[in-house]
């Protein structure tokens, strides 16, 4: 009978997971890290990260507020500082934080300050939540690179903020694009997100 023992040490976006038993005593530790981004409707930013090689897991949820255990109803009331967000667990040996940021920029309109596409309100504003100073510097450099790229005529307004506690959203929001593909596709198209991505970056 195989037995797995997991030791997780989480801090500042870094988690070390040590796995032994399933592949013998010489198994190497598997190090994972987490990244948190807000990009409007969290349904719409999950697929792009799920497809990326090196991404282990994604969870949609809420970040940036202070009320404990936020719900969708509370966050969507626009009476908190929470934003719809995504937490990405990834293998830094296969994908870097900078590469995750490249994926992130292609999911959003970084020039829109009042939300994302047809989703308007504080909970839909874009943000990069950094877990440490290194992530902050990488995020700032990535934002500056985007500003110099000539892709946008307007100022890049996506905020770079210190990470706060991330709360996973309700189960029916997780992998919504898989749970309700027809509704998801209609919503994504209707919001203008898809046409914006094609115009800005080419075919997805």
Protein backbone atom coordinates (compact mmCIF):
# COMPACT_ATOMS: atom_id res chain seq x y z
CA UNK A 1 0.00 0.00 0.00
CA UNK A 2 1.47 3.36 -1.09
CA UNK A 3 1.52 6.11 1.43
CA UNK A 4 2.10 9.80 0.73
CA UNK A 5 3.24 12.23 3.34
CA UNK A 6 2.83 15.94 2.56
CA UNK A 7 4.59 18.68 4.42
CA UNK A 8 3.46 22.14 3.34
CA UNK A 9 5.32 25.26 4.33
CA UNK A 10 3.41 28.31 3.03
CA UNK A 11 4.60 31.89 3.19
CA UNK A 12 4.72 34.88 0.84
CA UNK A 13 3.36 32.94 -2.10
CA UNK A 14 5.76 29.99 -1.59
CA UNK A 15 4.78 26.46 -0.70
CA UNK A 16 7.20 23.55 -0.44
CA UNK A 17 5.54 20.17 -0.80
CA UNK A 18 7.62 17.15 0.11
CA UNK A 19 6.32 13.85 -1.21
CA UNK A 20 7.74 10.52 -0.06
CA UNK A 21 6.64 6.93 -0.12
CA UNK A 22 5.00 6.66 -3.55
CA UNK A 23 8.28 6.64 -5.52
CA UNK A 24 10.69 5.44 -2.91
CA UNK A 25 12.85 7.26 -0.42
CA UNK A 26 14.87 9.13 -3.08
CA UNK A 27 11.97 11.26 -4.34
CA UNK A 28 12.93 14.92 -4.69
CA UNK A 29 10.86 17.63 -3.01
CA UNK A 30 8.33 19.29 -5.29
CA UNK A 31 8.29 23.03 -4.74
CA UNK A 32 5.20 24.99 -5.69
CA UNK A 33 4.31 28.65 -5.48
CA UNK A 34 1.07 30.60 -5.61
CA UNK A 35 0.09 33.75 -7.47
CA UNK A 36 -3.07 35.83 -7.06
CA UNK A 37 -4.56 38.04 -9.77
CA UNK A 38 -7.83 39.96 -10.12
CA UNK A 39 -9.12 40.38 -13.64
CA UNK A 40 -12.83 41.04 -13.66
CA UNK A 41 -15.18 38.08 -13.83
CA UNK A 42 -13.23 35.21 -12.33
CA UNK A 43 -15.03 32.70 -14.56
CA UNK A 44 -13.33 34.23 -17.57
CA UNK A 45 -9.72 34.30 -16.39
CA UNK A 46 -9.57 30.71 -15.16
CA UNK A 47 -9.39 28.82 -18.51
CA UNK A 48 -6.26 30.61 -19.71
CA UNK A 49 -4.30 29.59 -16.64
CA UNK A 50 -5.70 26.06 -16.56
CA UNK A 51 -4.26 25.50 -20.04
CA UNK A 52 -0.75 26.62 -19.11
CA UNK A 53 1.95 23.99 -18.68
CA UNK A 54 3.30 24.16 -15.15
CA UNK A 55 0.07 25.33 -13.56
CA UNK A 56 -0.95 22.69 -11.01
CA UNK A 57 -4.23 24.08 -9.70
CA UNK A 58 -6.42 27.16 -9.90
CA UNK A 59 -9.11 28.41 -7.55
CA UNK A 60 -11.37 31.40 -8.12
CA UNK A 61 -12.31 33.47 -5.12
CA UNK A 62 -11.98 36.78 -3.34
CA UNK A 63 -8.96 38.86 -2.31
CA UNK A 64 -8.31 42.41 -1.15
CA UNK A 65 -10.93 42.78 1.57
CA UNK A 66 -10.99 42.45 5.32
CA UNK A 67 -14.37 40.93 6.16
CA UNK A 68 -13.93 37.27 7.20
CA UNK A 69 -15.33 34.48 5.04
CA UNK A 70 -16.75 36.62 2.21
CA UNK A 71 -19.53 35.25 0.02
CA UNK A 72 -20.42 36.04 -3.57
CA UNK A 73 -23.48 37.92 -2.37
CA UNK A 74 -21.37 40.11 -0.08
CA UNK A 75 -18.64 40.79 -2.63
CA UNK A 76 -21.08 41.52 -5.47
CA UNK A 77 -22.86 44.06 -3.27
CA UNK A 78 -19.82 46.29 -3.94
CA UNK A 79 -19.72 47.26 -0.26
CA UNK A 80 -16.36 45.62 0.44
CA UNK A 81 -12.82 45.97 -0.90
CA UNK A 82 -12.79 42.41 -2.21
CA UNK A 83 -12.16 41.72 -5.88
CA UNK A 84 -13.04 38.61 -7.84
CA UNK A 85 -9.67 36.89 -8.08
CA UNK A 86 -7.85 33.72 -8.99
CA UNK A 87 -5.24 31.84 -6.97
CA UNK A 88 -2.81 29.87 -9.11
CA UNK A 89 -0.64 27.10 -7.73
CA UNK A 90 2.27 26.46 -10.08
CA UNK A 91 5.59 24.70 -10.48
CA UNK A 92 8.29 27.39 -10.86
CA UNK A 93 10.55 24.83 -12.57
CA UNK A 94 8.05 24.70 -15.45
CA UNK A 95 6.52 28.18 -15.54
CA UNK A 96 7.77 31.45 -14.09
CA UNK A 97 5.90 34.24 -12.36
CA UNK A 98 6.76 36.49 -15.30
CA UNK A 99 5.17 33.99 -17.69
CA UNK A 100 2.03 33.91 -15.55
CA UNK A 101 1.90 37.69 -15.82
CA UNK A 102 2.12 37.42 -19.61
CA UNK A 103 -0.91 35.13 -19.54
CA UNK A 104 -2.70 37.48 -17.16
CA UNK A 105 -2.26 40.58 -19.34
CA UNK A 106 -3.85 38.75 -22.26
CA UNK A 107 -6.99 38.01 -20.25
CA UNK A 108 -7.85 41.60 -19.30
CA UNK A 109 -8.13 45.19 -20.47
CA UNK A 110 -5.39 46.79 -18.34
CA UNK A 111 -6.54 50.31 -19.30
CA UNK A 112 -10.02 49.97 -17.77
CA UNK A 113 -10.25 51.43 -14.27
CA UNK A 114 -13.91 50.87 -13.35
CA UNK A 115 -14.05 47.10 -13.80
CA UNK A 116 -13.54 44.76 -16.73
CA UNK A 117 -15.55 44.96 -19.93
CA UNK A 118 -19.28 44.98 -19.09
CA UNK A 119 -18.62 44.02 -15.46
CA UNK A 120 -18.48 47.37 -13.71
CA UNK A 121 -17.77 47.94 -10.03
CA UNK A 122 -14.97 47.78 -7.45
CA UNK A 123 -15.08 43.97 -7.22
CA UNK A 124 -14.23 43.70 -10.94
CA UNK A 125 -11.18 45.97 -10.97
CA UNK A 126 -7.95 44.37 -12.10
CA UNK A 127 -5.01 43.90 -9.73
CA UNK A 128 -1.84 41.92 -9.26
CA UNK A 129 -1.53 40.81 -5.62
CA UNK A 130 2.16 40.27 -4.91
CA UNK A 131 3.32 37.96 -2.14
CA UNK A 132 6.83 39.34 -1.65
CA UNK A 133 9.21 42.06 -2.85
CA UNK A 134 10.55 39.92 -5.68
CA UNK A 135 7.05 39.43 -7.08
CA UNK A 136 6.40 43.15 -6.71
CA UNK A 137 9.50 44.02 -8.75
CA UNK A 138 8.63 41.46 -11.43
CA UNK A 139 5.07 42.76 -11.62
CA UNK A 140 6.21 46.38 -11.90
CA UNK A 141 8.68 45.49 -14.64
CA UNK A 142 6.04 43.50 -16.50
CA UNK A 143 3.58 46.39 -16.28
CA UNK A 144 6.20 48.81 -17.57
CA UNK A 145 7.06 46.45 -20.42
CA UNK A 146 3.38 46.29 -21.38
CA UNK A 147 3.13 50.09 -21.28
CA UNK A 148 6.06 50.35 -23.69
CA UNK A 149 4.75 47.65 -26.02
CA UNK A 150 2.52 49.98 -28.02
CA UNK A 151 -0.45 47.65 -27.60
CA UNK A 152 -2.50 50.28 -25.81
CA UNK A 153 -3.06 53.98 -26.40
CA UNK A 154 -4.31 54.55 -22.87
CA UNK A 155 -2.45 54.37 -19.55
CA UNK A 156 -2.09 50.97 -17.89
CA UNK A 157 -4.14 51.28 -14.69
CA UNK A 158 -4.01 47.73 -13.28
CA UNK A 159 -2.93 48.04 -9.64
CA UNK A 160 -0.07 46.18 -8.00
CA UNK A 161 -1.04 45.52 -4.39
CA UNK A 162 0.24 43.48 -1.43
CA UNK A 163 -1.53 40.14 -1.19
CA UNK A 164 -4.17 39.65 1.46
CA UNK A 165 -5.92 36.49 2.54
CA UNK A 166 -7.49 34.67 -0.39
CA UNK A 167 -10.90 33.06 0.12
CA UNK A 168 -12.06 30.42 -2.39
CA UNK A 169 -15.44 31.16 -3.95
CA UNK A 170 -18.44 28.87 -3.74
CA UNK A 171 -18.23 25.50 -5.50
CA UNK A 172 -20.58 26.49 -8.31
CA UNK A 173 -18.11 29.18 -9.41
CA UNK A 174 -15.15 26.81 -9.68
CA UNK A 175 -14.37 25.75 -13.28
CA UNK A 176 -17.59 27.41 -14.38
CA UNK A 177 -16.48 27.14 -17.99
CA UNK A 178 -16.56 23.35 -17.58
CA UNK A 179 -19.71 23.16 -15.48
CA UNK A 180 -21.80 25.37 -17.77
CA UNK A 181 -19.94 25.69 -21.10
CA UNK A 182 -22.81 27.10 -23.19
CA UNK A 183 -23.70 29.82 -20.70
CA UNK A 184 -20.04 30.60 -20.13
CA UNK A 185 -19.27 31.00 -23.83
CA UNK A 186 -22.32 33.22 -24.37
CA UNK A 187 -21.37 35.36 -21.36
CA UNK A 188 -17.73 35.67 -22.39
CA UNK A 189 -18.65 36.65 -25.95
CA UNK A 190 -21.38 39.04 -24.83
CA UNK A 191 -19.09 40.84 -22.40
CA UNK A 192 -16.79 41.94 -25.19
CA UNK A 193 -13.79 40.18 -23.66
CA UNK A 194 -13.30 37.76 -26.56
CA UNK A 195 -13.45 40.40 -29.29
CA UNK A 196 -11.07 42.62 -27.29
CA UNK A 197 -8.56 39.78 -26.93
CA UNK A 198 -8.69 38.98 -30.64
CA UNK A 199 -8.30 42.62 -31.62
CA UNK A 200 -5.42 43.23 -29.23
CA UNK A 201 -3.53 39.94 -29.32
CA UNK A 202 -4.85 38.08 -32.38
CA UNK A 203 -6.65 34.73 -32.36
CA UNK A 204 -6.72 33.12 -28.92
